Amino acid sequence: MAIEGIGARALRKEDKRFITGKGRYTDDMVLPGMGHAAFVRSPHAHAKVTGIDASAALAMPGVDAV
């Protein structure tokens, strides 16, 4: 007897490739001109950012924008 609805087993076609290590993730891809993003969050809730000195980050090799 099969269970239907809530609690029923969901058959997904992608599971096998991820379990066996054959899955393809966006982090595994490298495309020409591809960039990466990093976000820095404030440790202070509702704080107002009054300025950012991006000069050190922009001077680093490979940094396109801050």
N, C-alpha and C. Protein backbone atom coordinates (compact mmCIF):
# COMPACT_ATOMS: atom_id res chain seq x y z
N MET A 1 0.85 -1.17 0.00
CA MET A 1 0.00 0.00 0.00
C MET A 1 0.90 1.24 0.00
N ALA A 2 0.70 2.13 -0.94
CA ALA A 2 1.51 3.34 -1.06
C ALA A 2 0.92 4.48 -0.24
N ILE A 3 1.81 5.27 0.33
CA ILE A 3 1.38 6.44 1.08
C ILE A 3 1.31 7.62 0.12
N GLU A 4 0.21 8.35 0.16
CA GLU A 4 0.05 9.51 -0.70
C GLU A 4 -0.11 10.75 0.16
N GLY A 5 0.37 11.89 -0.35
CA GLY A 5 0.19 13.14 0.37
C GLY A 5 1.32 13.42 1.34
N ILE A 6 0.98 14.01 2.49
CA ILE A 6 1.98 14.38 3.48
C ILE A 6 2.67 13.14 4.02
N GLY A 7 3.98 13.15 4.05
CA GLY A 7 4.75 12.02 4.54
C GLY A 7 5.09 11.01 3.47
N ALA A 8 4.58 11.21 2.26
CA ALA A 8 4.87 10.28 1.18
C ALA A 8 6.30 10.48 0.68
N ARG A 9 6.89 9.42 0.22
CA ARG A 9 8.23 9.49 -0.33
C ARG A 9 8.20 10.27 -1.64
N ALA A 10 9.09 11.22 -1.77
CA ALA A 10 9.17 12.02 -2.99
C ALA A 10 10.26 11.45 -3.89
N LEU A 11 9.90 11.04 -5.08
CA LEU A 11 10.88 10.52 -6.03
C LEU A 11 11.48 11.69 -6.79
N ARG A 12 12.79 11.82 -6.69
CA ARG A 12 13.48 12.92 -7.37
C ARG A 12 14.57 12.33 -8.24
N LYS A 13 14.64 12.81 -9.47
CA LYS A 13 15.61 12.25 -10.41
C LYS A 13 17.04 12.75 -10.16
N GLU A 14 17.20 13.88 -9.45
CA GLU A 14 18.53 14.43 -9.26
C GLU A 14 19.30 13.81 -8.10
N ASP A 15 18.64 13.11 -7.19
CA ASP A 15 19.29 12.60 -5.99
C ASP A 15 20.47 11.67 -6.28
N LYS A 16 20.34 10.75 -7.20
CA LYS A 16 21.38 9.75 -7.44
C LYS A 16 22.71 10.40 -7.82
N ARG A 17 22.68 11.41 -8.71
CA ARG A 17 23.94 12.01 -9.13
C ARG A 17 24.62 12.77 -8.00
N PHE A 18 23.86 13.36 -7.10
CA PHE A 18 24.46 14.09 -6.00
C PHE A 18 25.00 13.13 -4.93
N ILE A 19 24.31 12.06 -4.69
CA ILE A 19 24.74 11.07 -3.70
C ILE A 19 26.00 10.35 -4.16
N THR A 20 26.11 10.12 -5.46
CA THR A 20 27.26 9.39 -6.00
C THR A 20 28.43 10.31 -6.37
N GLY A 21 28.29 11.62 -6.10
CA GLY A 21 29.38 12.55 -6.38
C GLY A 21 29.48 12.98 -7.82
N LYS A 22 28.45 12.76 -8.60
CA LYS A 22 28.46 13.14 -10.01
C LYS A 22 27.64 14.39 -10.29
N GLY A 23 27.17 15.05 -9.23
CA GLY A 23 26.38 16.26 -9.39
C GLY A 23 27.23 17.42 -9.87
N ARG A 24 26.61 18.37 -10.53
CA ARG A 24 27.32 19.55 -11.03
C ARG A 24 26.75 20.77 -10.31
N TYR A 25 27.61 21.49 -9.66
CA TYR A 25 27.22 22.67 -8.89
C TYR A 25 27.74 23.93 -9.59
N THR A 26 27.09 25.07 -9.34
CA THR A 26 27.55 26.32 -9.95
C THR A 26 28.95 26.68 -9.47
N ASP A 27 29.34 26.25 -8.28
CA ASP A 27 30.68 26.53 -7.77
C ASP A 27 31.75 25.76 -8.54
N ASP A 28 31.36 24.70 -9.24
CA ASP A 28 32.30 23.90 -10.02
C ASP A 28 32.55 24.48 -11.41
N MET A 29 31.74 25.45 -11.83
CA MET A 29 31.84 26.00 -13.18
C MET A 29 32.80 27.17 -13.24
N VAL A 30 33.53 27.28 -14.34
CA VAL A 30 34.40 28.42 -14.60
C VAL A 30 34.10 28.88 -16.02
N LEU A 31 33.65 30.14 -16.13
CA LEU A 31 33.32 30.71 -17.42
C LEU A 31 34.19 31.94 -17.67
N PRO A 32 34.47 32.27 -18.93
CA PRO A 32 35.28 33.46 -19.22
C PRO A 32 34.59 34.72 -18.67
N GLY A 33 35.35 35.56 -18.01
CA GLY A 33 34.82 36.81 -17.47
C GLY A 33 33.97 36.65 -16.21
N MET A 34 33.94 35.45 -15.67
CA MET A 34 33.11 35.18 -14.50
C MET A 34 33.71 35.84 -13.27
N GLY A 35 32.85 36.40 -12.44
CA GLY A 35 33.29 37.03 -11.20
C GLY A 35 32.64 36.36 -10.00
N HIS A 36 33.08 36.72 -8.84
CA HIS A 36 32.53 36.19 -7.60
C HIS A 36 32.13 37.37 -6.73
N ALA A 37 31.19 37.14 -5.86
CA ALA A 37 30.72 38.21 -4.96
C ALA A 37 30.88 37.76 -3.51
N ALA A 38 31.18 38.73 -2.67
CA ALA A 38 31.26 38.48 -1.23
C ALA A 38 30.52 39.62 -0.54
N PHE A 39 29.78 39.31 0.49
CA PHE A 39 29.01 40.31 1.21
C PHE A 39 29.48 40.37 2.65
N VAL A 40 29.63 41.56 3.15
CA VAL A 40 30.03 41.76 4.54
C VAL A 40 28.84 42.39 5.25
N ARG A 41 28.42 41.76 6.34
CA ARG A 41 27.28 42.27 7.08
C ARG A 41 27.75 42.99 8.34
N SER A 42 27.00 43.96 8.73
CA SER A 42 27.32 44.71 9.93
C SER A 42 27.00 43.88 11.17
N PRO A 43 27.86 43.92 12.17
CA PRO A 43 27.55 43.22 13.42
C PRO A 43 26.56 44.01 14.28
N HIS A 44 26.18 45.18 13.81
CA HIS A 44 25.29 46.06 14.58
C HIS A 44 23.95 46.18 13.86
N ALA A 45 22.88 45.76 14.52
CA ALA A 45 21.55 45.83 13.93
C ALA A 45 21.13 47.28 13.74
N HIS A 46 20.56 47.58 12.60
CA HIS A 46 20.01 48.91 12.27
C HIS A 46 21.05 50.03 12.31
N ALA A 47 22.33 49.69 12.17
CA ALA A 47 23.38 50.70 12.17
C ALA A 47 23.36 51.45 10.83
N LYS A 48 23.73 52.69 10.87
CA LYS A 48 23.82 53.49 9.65
C LYS A 48 25.28 53.50 9.19
N VAL A 49 25.50 53.11 7.95
CA VAL A 49 26.85 53.13 7.38
C VAL A 49 27.12 54.55 6.92
N THR A 50 28.11 55.18 7.50
CA THR A 50 28.41 56.58 7.17
C THR A 50 29.53 56.70 6.15
N GLY A 51 30.27 55.62 5.91
CA GLY A 51 31.32 55.66 4.91
C GLY A 51 32.05 54.34 4.82
N ILE A 52 32.61 54.09 3.65
CA ILE A 52 33.37 52.87 3.41
C ILE A 52 34.67 53.25 2.72
N ASP A 53 35.79 52.81 3.27
CA ASP A 53 37.09 53.03 2.63
C ASP A 53 37.43 51.76 1.85
N ALA A 54 37.21 51.78 0.56
CA ALA A 54 37.42 50.61 -0.29
C ALA A 54 38.79 50.60 -0.95
N SER A 55 39.65 51.54 -0.63
CA SER A 55 40.94 51.67 -1.33
C SER A 55 41.82 50.43 -1.17
N ALA A 56 41.87 49.84 0.02
CA ALA A 56 42.70 48.64 0.23
C ALA A 56 42.16 47.46 -0.57
N ALA A 57 40.85 47.31 -0.61
CA ALA A 57 40.25 46.20 -1.35
C ALA A 57 40.45 46.39 -2.85
N LEU A 58 40.27 47.59 -3.34
CA LEU A 58 40.44 47.86 -4.76
C LEU A 58 41.89 47.69 -5.23
N ALA A 59 42.84 47.84 -4.31
CA ALA A 59 44.26 47.69 -4.65
C ALA A 59 44.67 46.22 -4.76
N MET A 60 43.85 45.31 -4.29
CA MET A 60 44.18 43.89 -4.33
C MET A 60 44.05 43.34 -5.76
N PRO A 61 44.92 42.41 -6.14
CA PRO A 61 44.83 41.84 -7.48
C PRO A 61 43.55 41.03 -7.66
N GLY A 62 42.92 41.18 -8.82
CA GLY A 62 41.72 40.42 -9.13
C GLY A 62 40.42 41.05 -8.67
N VAL A 63 40.48 42.14 -7.92
CA VAL A 63 39.27 42.79 -7.45
C VAL A 63 38.76 43.71 -8.55
N ASP A 64 37.50 43.52 -8.98
CA ASP A 64 36.91 44.32 -10.05
C ASP A 64 36.12 45.51 -9.52
N ALA A 65 35.43 45.31 -8.40
CA ALA A 65 34.57 46.38 -7.86
C ALA A 65 34.36 46.17 -6.37
N VAL A 66 34.07 47.25 -5.70
CA VAL A 66 33.73 47.20 -4.27
C VAL A 66 32.46 47.98 -4.07
